[in-house]
Amino acid sequence: MKKQRTPKSAAGLLLSAAAALSATLAAAETPALKDLAPKSLRIGAALDQRQSDGEDPAATSLVVLQFDTISPENILKWEKVHPLPDRYDFAPVDRYVDFGARSKMFVVGHCLVWHQQVPAWVKAGEGGKPLDRETALARLKTHIDTVVGRYRGRIGGWDVVNEALEEDGSLRRTFWLEAIGEDYVARAFELAHAADPDAELYYNDYNLWKPAKREAAIRLVQGLRGKGLRVDAIGEQGHWGIDDPPLPAIDEALGAIQAAGIRPLVTELDMDVLPRDPDMWGADLSKKASLRAKTNVYPDALPPEMQQKLARRYADVFTLFLKHRVGRVTFWGVTDATSWLHDFPIPGRVNYPLLWDREGRQKPAFERVVSVLRTYNRN
């Protein structure tokens, strides 16, 4: 049973409208990233469902003023849009696509094939048997035909396959690989192109600044293109820390993708400002509380010196994006208020990864990005 939303009170609606107006007026006094970026660079944000539903007017006003492309955080992942074999939940996606169309934005679909956030029925074989190739391919085709086909001509680009590679460059041992075989990636791109021949198609992954994984991604895309398949770009997610990866590694990664004749994108950009403990990634529940206390070092506010460090980091990476003619930069979120990093990898920490704070006010990082874009335009 779906949880029903509680209607906002009149006072609540007035407060929301006032906040949206305040944010709009404040933003109107500052330059827009989309206007400062070169024509070859789209700059956007990933929206959560409240934002694409119009229930976070301050954030959506900021999006309209600042960005020319949007991505969905979760509503197009398989568990959300296709939870049961005979059921699709298109209403939130329709609202997201309509929002992009009204705002004259380039709309991205994320994502078609991933090994996470997939309903159990997709992975299950018939009659309790292991999932076989024929069944897996049939499910893949039905899903892509239906989802991409519905938004043909309205969603301009798709993350077709997400995170198919291990850190050493080998194919990740997912249920897709085990059921279909290595050609599941090619079949996904083939199906996506057939469903919308005009849509851009991307391979998306993280840690491509690591040489083995990056080289594998380049080989993968070149191999797909060698088969006559359309692959327009490689997306590096860009979930980075404030010190890691090193700038030379990012520089090398973007340069290598560009040198291979493939357009680089940065698809999920944010900067984790909190310290990282090696144990936090696989911590059991008994350790999470102590790790949260150890690493949640800015529970009330980000100190000024860290604000400046974050600003320098954003300025440095944007300089590299412009150097290597990155085709799109999408921030994974709009403001610090709703960033996923508050709950990953340990829930309850307070993070500050984006260009706007929890109240929608621009941070020094925003000002430094503006400065980098203006300098580029002058040269």
Protein backbone atom coordinates (compact mmCIF):
# COMPACT_ATOMS: atom_id res chain seq x y z
CA MET A 1 0.00 0.00 0.00
CA LYS A 2 1.36 3.38 -0.94
CA LYS A 3 1.78 5.94 1.80
CA GLN A 4 -0.49 8.90 1.16
CA ARG A 5 1.06 12.34 1.23
CA THR A 6 -0.31 14.73 3.79
CA PRO A 7 -1.54 17.96 2.18
CA LYS A 8 0.38 21.05 3.24
CA SER A 9 -1.38 23.59 5.41
CA ALA A 10 -2.04 27.07 4.07
CA ALA A 11 0.69 28.40 6.33
CA GLY A 12 3.06 25.74 5.04
CA LEU A 13 2.32 26.64 1.45
CA LEU A 14 2.91 30.33 2.17
CA LEU A 15 6.23 29.53 3.83
CA SER A 16 7.28 27.37 0.87
CA ALA A 17 6.30 30.08 -1.58
CA ALA A 18 8.16 32.71 0.44
CA ALA A 19 11.27 30.53 0.56
CA ALA A 20 11.10 29.92 -3.19
CA LEU A 21 10.68 33.64 -3.89
CA SER A 22 13.56 34.52 -1.59
CA ALA A 23 15.83 31.95 -3.24
CA THR A 24 14.78 33.14 -6.70
CA LEU A 25 15.49 36.79 -5.92
CA ALA A 26 18.85 35.95 -4.35
CA ALA A 27 19.85 33.75 -7.26
CA ALA A 28 18.77 36.37 -9.79
CA GLU A 29 21.44 38.68 -8.41
CA THR A 30 24.19 36.19 -9.16
CA PRO A 31 25.41 34.74 -12.44
CA ALA A 32 24.07 31.44 -13.73
CA LEU A 33 26.49 28.59 -14.27
CA LYS A 34 24.66 27.58 -17.45
CA ASP A 35 25.19 31.05 -18.92
CA LEU A 36 28.89 31.19 -18.06
CA ALA A 37 29.72 27.70 -19.34
CA PRO A 38 31.00 27.34 -22.92
CA LYS A 39 28.39 26.12 -25.39
CA SER A 40 30.01 22.68 -25.46
CA LEU A 41 29.47 22.18 -21.71
CA ARG A 42 26.13 21.39 -20.10
CA ILE A 43 25.92 21.95 -16.34
CA GLY A 44 23.19 20.29 -14.34
CA ALA A 45 21.96 18.67 -11.16
CA ALA A 46 20.38 15.41 -10.12
CA LEU A 47 16.88 15.87 -8.71
CA ASP A 48 15.18 13.85 -6.01
CA GLN A 49 11.49 13.09 -6.40
CA ARG A 50 10.31 15.95 -4.19
CA GLN A 51 12.17 18.39 -6.41
CA SER A 52 10.91 17.01 -9.70
CA ASP A 53 7.39 16.80 -8.20
CA GLY A 54 7.55 20.53 -7.37
CA GLU A 55 7.46 19.98 -3.60
CA ASP A 56 10.80 21.70 -2.97
CA PRO A 57 10.19 25.05 -4.70
CA ALA A 58 13.36 26.71 -3.40
CA ALA A 59 15.53 23.97 -4.90
CA THR A 60 13.65 23.77 -8.19
CA SER A 61 13.82 27.55 -8.61
CA LEU A 62 17.57 27.31 -8.14
CA VAL A 63 17.75 24.52 -10.72
CA VAL A 64 15.86 26.53 -13.32
CA LEU A 65 18.07 29.57 -12.80
CA GLN A 66 21.42 27.79 -12.71
CA PHE A 67 21.30 24.63 -14.85
CA ASP A 68 20.49 23.50 -18.38
CA THR A 69 20.34 19.74 -17.79
CA ILE A 70 18.85 17.44 -15.14
CA SER A 71 19.24 13.82 -14.08
CA PRO A 72 16.97 11.76 -11.78
CA GLU A 73 18.47 10.41 -8.57
CA ASN A 74 16.26 7.32 -8.21
CA ILE A 75 12.92 7.38 -10.02
CA LEU A 76 14.26 5.68 -13.19
CA LYS A 77 16.13 2.93 -11.39
CA TRP A 78 14.52 -0.44 -12.02
CA GLU A 79 13.10 -0.96 -8.52
CA LYS A 80 11.23 2.34 -8.75
CA VAL A 81 9.99 2.44 -12.32
CA HIS A 82 9.39 -1.30 -12.89
CA PRO A 83 8.82 -2.90 -9.47
CA LEU A 84 6.78 -5.89 -10.72
CA PRO A 85 6.77 -7.76 -14.05
CA ASP A 86 3.45 -6.26 -15.12
CA ARG A 87 3.67 -2.94 -13.28
CA TYR A 88 5.43 0.29 -14.20
CA ASP A 89 5.34 3.45 -12.09
CA PHE A 90 5.71 6.18 -14.70
CA ALA A 91 3.91 9.03 -12.92
CA PRO A 92 6.98 10.43 -11.11
CA VAL A 93 9.08 10.09 -14.28
CA ASP A 94 6.42 11.84 -16.35
CA ARG A 95 6.54 14.77 -13.91
CA TYR A 96 10.35 14.82 -14.04
CA VAL A 97 10.40 14.83 -17.86
CA ASP A 98 7.67 17.47 -17.99
CA PHE A 99 9.67 19.67 -15.60
CA GLY A 100 12.70 19.42 -17.87
CA ALA A 101 10.65 20.18 -20.97
CA ARG A 102 8.99 23.22 -19.41
CA SER A 103 12.39 24.52 -18.34
CA LYS A 104 13.94 23.82 -21.78
CA MET A 105 16.56 21.51 -20.28
CA PHE A 106 18.44 18.52 -21.64
CA VAL A 107 16.88 15.59 -19.80
CA VAL A 108 19.00 12.57 -18.82
CA GLY A 109 17.71 9.08 -17.97
CA HIS A 110 19.55 7.21 -15.19
CA CYS A 111 19.91 4.26 -15.47
CA LEU A 112 18.82 1.25 -17.55
CA VAL A 113 21.15 -1.59 -16.53
CA TRP A 114 22.69 -1.85 -13.06
CA HIS A 115 23.22 -4.64 -10.57
CA GLN A 116 21.80 -2.63 -7.65
CA GLN A 117 18.30 -1.33 -6.89
CA VAL A 118 16.84 -4.15 -8.97
CA PRO A 119 13.70 -6.04 -7.80
CA ALA A 120 14.15 -9.67 -6.81
CA TRP A 121 11.87 -10.86 -9.63
CA VAL A 122 14.33 -9.59 -12.26
CA LYS A 123 17.07 -11.87 -10.90
CA ALA A 124 14.90 -14.94 -10.32
CA GLY A 125 14.81 -17.87 -12.73
CA GLU A 126 11.63 -19.57 -13.80
CA GLY A 127 10.30 -22.19 -11.41
CA GLY A 128 13.01 -21.54 -8.84
CA LYS A 129 15.82 -22.34 -11.28
CA PRO A 130 18.82 -20.03 -11.83
CA LEU A 131 18.19 -17.13 -14.17
CA ASP A 132 18.95 -18.26 -17.72
CA ARG A 133 20.15 -16.23 -20.70
CA GLU A 134 16.89 -16.31 -22.67
CA THR A 135 14.79 -15.14 -19.72
CA ALA A 136 17.26 -12.42 -18.71
CA LEU A 137 17.47 -11.07 -22.26
CA ALA A 138 13.69 -11.07 -22.58
CA ARG A 139 13.33 -9.08 -19.36
CA LEU A 140 16.05 -6.67 -20.44
CA LYS A 141 14.39 -6.10 -23.82
CA THR A 142 10.93 -5.59 -22.35
CA HIS A 143 12.24 -3.10 -19.80
CA ILE A 144 14.31 -1.04 -22.24
CA ASP A 145 11.69 -1.13 -25.00
CA THR A 146 9.01 0.07 -22.59
CA VAL A 147 10.96 2.67 -20.61
CA VAL A 148 13.08 4.19 -23.38
CA GLY A 149 10.22 3.89 -25.84
CA ARG A 150 7.86 5.84 -23.60
CA TYR A 151 10.26 8.79 -23.46
CA ARG A 152 11.51 8.62 -27.04
CA GLY A 153 12.36 12.12 -28.19
CA ARG A 154 11.89 13.55 -24.67
CA ILE A 155 14.81 12.08 -22.73
CA GLY A 156 17.90 13.18 -24.60
CA GLY A 157 20.50 10.83 -23.15
CA TRP A 158 20.62 7.58 -21.18
CA ASP A 159 23.09 6.02 -18.77
CA VAL A 160 22.63 2.66 -20.46
CA VAL A 161 25.00 0.53 -18.38
CA ASN A 162 26.14 1.57 -14.93
CA GLU A 163 29.16 0.24 -13.01
CA ALA A 164 29.90 -2.89 -15.04
CA LEU A 165 33.62 -2.94 -14.16
CA GLU A 166 35.64 -4.02 -11.14
CA GLU A 167 38.59 -1.94 -9.92
CA ASP A 168 41.04 -4.19 -11.78
CA GLY A 169 39.19 -3.66 -15.05
CA SER A 170 37.47 -7.03 -15.21
CA LEU A 171 33.73 -7.28 -15.74
CA ARG A 172 31.89 -7.19 -12.42
CA ARG A 173 30.37 -10.55 -11.49
CA THR A 174 26.76 -9.40 -11.58
CA PHE A 175 23.66 -11.47 -12.18
CA TRP A 176 23.52 -9.92 -15.67
CA LEU A 177 26.96 -11.26 -16.51
CA GLU A 178 26.26 -14.67 -15.01
CA ALA A 179 22.91 -15.11 -16.77
CA ILE A 180 23.60 -13.55 -20.17
CA GLY A 181 27.37 -13.50 -20.57
CA GLU A 182 29.82 -10.75 -21.52
CA ASP A 183 27.66 -9.53 -24.38
CA TYR A 184 24.96 -8.23 -22.01
CA VAL A 185 26.54 -4.76 -22.24
CA ALA A 186 26.40 -4.78 -26.03
CA ARG A 187 22.81 -6.04 -26.01
CA ALA A 188 21.78 -3.22 -23.66
CA PHE A 189 23.24 -0.55 -25.96
CA GLU A 190 21.71 -2.23 -29.01
CA LEU A 191 18.26 -2.29 -27.39
CA ALA A 192 18.49 1.30 -26.15
CA HIS A 193 19.44 2.58 -29.60
CA ALA A 194 16.61 0.66 -31.22
CA ALA A 195 14.12 2.11 -28.73
CA ASP A 196 15.26 5.70 -29.42
CA PRO A 197 17.74 6.11 -32.30
CA ASP A 198 18.22 9.83 -31.61
CA ALA A 199 19.07 9.57 -27.89
CA GLU A 200 22.65 9.88 -26.67
CA LEU A 201 23.91 6.72 -24.94
CA TYR A 202 26.53 6.58 -22.18
CA TYR A 203 28.61 4.14 -20.20
CA ASN A 204 28.76 5.34 -16.55
CA ASP A 205 31.12 4.28 -13.74
CA TYR A 206 33.15 5.50 -10.78
CA ASN A 207 36.89 5.55 -9.95
CA LEU A 208 37.89 5.89 -13.58
CA TRP A 209 40.81 7.95 -12.33
CA LYS A 210 42.34 4.55 -11.50
CA PRO A 211 44.31 3.47 -14.59
CA ALA A 212 43.23 -0.18 -14.81
CA LYS A 213 39.54 0.62 -14.55
CA ARG A 214 39.75 3.59 -16.91
CA GLU A 215 41.63 1.63 -19.56
CA ALA A 216 39.03 -1.12 -19.32
CA ALA A 217 36.20 1.40 -19.77
CA ILE A 218 37.91 2.82 -22.85
CA ARG A 219 38.42 -0.69 -24.30
CA LEU A 220 34.81 -1.54 -23.55
CA VAL A 221 33.46 1.51 -25.38
CA GLN A 222 35.87 1.12 -28.29
CA GLY A 223 34.82 -2.52 -28.60
CA LEU A 224 31.14 -1.56 -28.65
CA ARG A 225 31.78 1.07 -31.29
CA GLY A 226 33.76 -1.49 -33.27
CA LYS A 227 30.56 -3.56 -33.41
CA GLY A 228 28.73 -0.58 -34.90
CA LEU A 229 26.95 0.33 -31.67
CA ARG A 230 26.28 3.89 -30.57
CA VAL A 231 28.12 5.02 -27.42
CA ASP A 232 28.40 8.79 -27.13
CA ALA A 233 30.40 9.25 -23.96
CA ILE A 234 31.97 7.79 -20.82
CA GLY A 235 30.70 9.20 -17.56
CA GLU A 236 33.00 9.42 -14.54
CA GLN A 237 30.71 9.72 -11.57
CA GLY A 238 32.95 12.09 -9.59
CA HIS A 239 31.95 11.11 -6.05
CA TRP A 240 35.25 12.48 -4.81
CA GLY A 241 36.74 13.57 -1.52
CA ILE A 242 38.16 16.96 -0.74
CA ASP A 243 41.73 15.61 -1.08
CA ASP A 244 41.26 12.39 -3.02
CA PRO A 245 41.69 11.51 -5.83
CA PRO A 246 44.74 13.67 -6.52
CA LEU A 247 44.28 16.31 -9.20
CA PRO A 248 46.95 14.74 -11.48
CA ALA A 249 44.93 11.49 -11.48
CA ILE A 250 41.76 13.32 -12.53
CA ASP A 251 43.73 15.22 -15.16
CA GLU A 252 45.15 11.98 -16.55
CA ALA A 253 41.79 10.22 -16.57
CA LEU A 254 39.92 12.93 -18.47
CA GLY A 255 42.82 13.34 -20.88
CA ALA A 256 43.00 9.62 -21.61
CA ILE A 257 39.27 9.38 -22.37
CA GLN A 258 39.44 12.44 -24.62
CA ALA A 259 42.58 11.15 -26.37
CA ALA A 260 40.75 7.88 -27.13
CA GLY A 261 38.21 9.86 -29.14
CA ILE A 262 35.48 9.51 -26.52
CA ARG A 263 33.69 12.43 -24.92
CA PRO A 264 34.24 12.55 -21.14
CA LEU A 265 31.36 13.46 -18.83
CA VAL A 266 31.32 14.04 -15.06
CA THR A 267 27.94 12.70 -14.14
CA GLU A 268 27.53 12.62 -10.35
CA LEU A 269 29.78 15.31 -8.90
CA ASP A 270 30.07 16.05 -5.19
CA MET A 271 32.90 16.49 -2.67
CA ASP A 272 32.88 14.54 0.59
CA VAL A 273 34.43 16.92 3.14
CA LEU A 274 34.38 14.44 6.04
CA PRO A 275 37.31 12.19 7.01
CA ARG A 276 37.08 8.65 5.71
CA ASP A 277 37.90 5.62 7.82
CA PRO A 278 38.82 2.40 5.94
CA ASP A 279 36.47 0.45 8.21
CA MET A 280 33.42 2.52 7.33
CA TRP A 281 32.71 0.84 3.99
CA GLY A 282 32.06 -2.61 5.40
CA ALA A 283 31.23 -1.76 8.99
CA ASP A 284 28.65 -3.87 10.77
CA LEU A 285 25.92 -2.26 12.81
CA SER A 286 27.86 -2.55 16.06
CA LYS A 287 30.64 -0.33 14.69
CA LYS A 288 28.60 2.27 12.84
CA ALA A 289 27.86 4.40 15.92
CA SER A 290 31.51 4.72 16.90
CA LEU A 291 32.57 5.39 13.30
CA ARG A 292 29.88 8.03 12.95
CA ALA A 293 31.11 9.78 16.11
CA LYS A 294 34.70 9.58 14.87
CA THR A 295 34.06 10.96 11.38
CA ASN A 296 31.10 13.33 11.89
CA VAL A 297 33.45 16.19 12.66
CA TYR A 298 31.34 19.18 11.53
CA PRO A 299 27.88 18.51 13.01
CA ASP A 300 26.92 22.20 13.26
CA ALA A 301 28.66 24.00 10.39
CA LEU A 302 31.59 23.76 8.02
CA PRO A 303 34.44 25.91 9.38
CA PRO A 304 35.59 28.85 7.23
CA GLU A 305 38.96 27.25 6.48
CA MET A 306 37.18 24.13 5.18
CA GLN A 307 34.82 26.27 3.11
CA GLN A 308 37.86 27.75 1.42
CA LYS A 309 39.44 24.36 0.92
CA LEU A 310 36.24 23.08 -0.69
CA ALA A 311 36.17 26.18 -2.91
CA ARG A 312 39.74 25.58 -4.09
CA ARG A 313 38.95 21.94 -4.82
CA TYR A 314 35.95 22.86 -6.99
CA ALA A 315 37.96 25.54 -8.79
CA ASP A 316 40.74 23.06 -9.50
CA VAL A 317 38.48 20.33 -10.90
CA PHE A 318 36.50 22.77 -13.04
CA THR A 319 39.76 24.00 -14.52
CA LEU A 320 40.43 20.40 -15.57
CA PHE A 321 36.90 19.96 -16.93
CA LEU A 322 37.41 22.94 -19.21
CA LYS A 323 40.91 21.81 -20.21
CA HIS A 324 39.63 18.44 -21.39
CA ARG A 325 36.37 19.70 -22.94
CA VAL A 326 34.10 17.69 -20.66
CA GLY A 327 30.67 17.58 -22.29
CA ARG A 328 28.53 17.64 -19.16
CA VAL A 329 28.99 18.20 -15.44
CA THR A 330 26.08 17.08 -13.28
CA PHE A 331 26.13 17.74 -9.53
CA TRP A 332 24.63 14.87 -7.55
CA GLY A 333 22.09 17.00 -5.75
CA VAL A 334 21.10 20.64 -5.62
CA THR A 335 21.91 21.87 -2.11
CA ASP A 336 23.58 20.37 0.95
CA ALA A 337 20.14 19.83 2.51
CA THR A 338 19.32 16.66 0.57
CA SER A 339 22.70 15.19 -0.34
CA TRP A 340 22.92 11.40 -0.22
CA LEU A 341 26.28 11.74 1.56
CA HIS A 342 24.55 12.42 4.88
CA ASP A 343 23.67 8.71 4.93
CA PHE A 344 26.52 7.10 2.97
CA PRO A 345 28.36 5.04 3.92
CA ILE A 346 27.18 5.66 7.49
CA PRO A 347 23.78 7.25 8.21
CA GLY A 348 23.46 10.34 10.32
CA ARG A 349 26.59 12.29 9.43
CA VAL A 350 26.40 15.95 8.40
CA ASN A 351 28.14 16.66 5.10
CA TYR A 352 28.66 19.76 2.96
CA PRO A 353 29.44 18.50 -0.56
CA LEU A 354 27.75 20.93 -2.97
CA LEU A 355 27.81 24.58 -4.07
CA TRP A 356 24.78 25.69 -2.04
CA ASP A 357 24.19 25.24 1.69
CA ARG A 358 21.09 23.86 3.41
CA GLU A 359 19.25 27.15 3.06
CA GLY A 360 20.05 27.43 -0.64
CA ARG A 361 22.68 30.11 -0.14
CA GLN A 362 25.68 30.04 -2.43
CA LYS A 363 28.94 28.96 -0.83
CA PRO A 364 32.49 30.18 -1.57
CA ALA A 365 32.77 27.10 -3.80
CA PHE A 366 30.09 28.51 -6.10
CA GLU A 367 31.94 31.82 -6.34
CA ARG A 368 35.19 30.07 -7.23
CA VAL A 369 33.51 28.02 -9.99
CA VAL A 370 32.03 31.23 -11.38
CA SER A 371 35.50 32.76 -11.35
CA VAL A 372 36.98 29.81 -13.26
CA LEU A 373 34.26 29.97 -15.91
CA ARG A 374 34.65 33.72 -16.32
CA THR A 375 38.43 33.42 -16.68
CA TYR A 376 37.98 30.73 -19.34
CA ASN A 377 35.59 32.96 -21.26
CA ARG A 378 38.07 35.83 -21.24
CA ASN A 379 40.92 33.71 -22.64
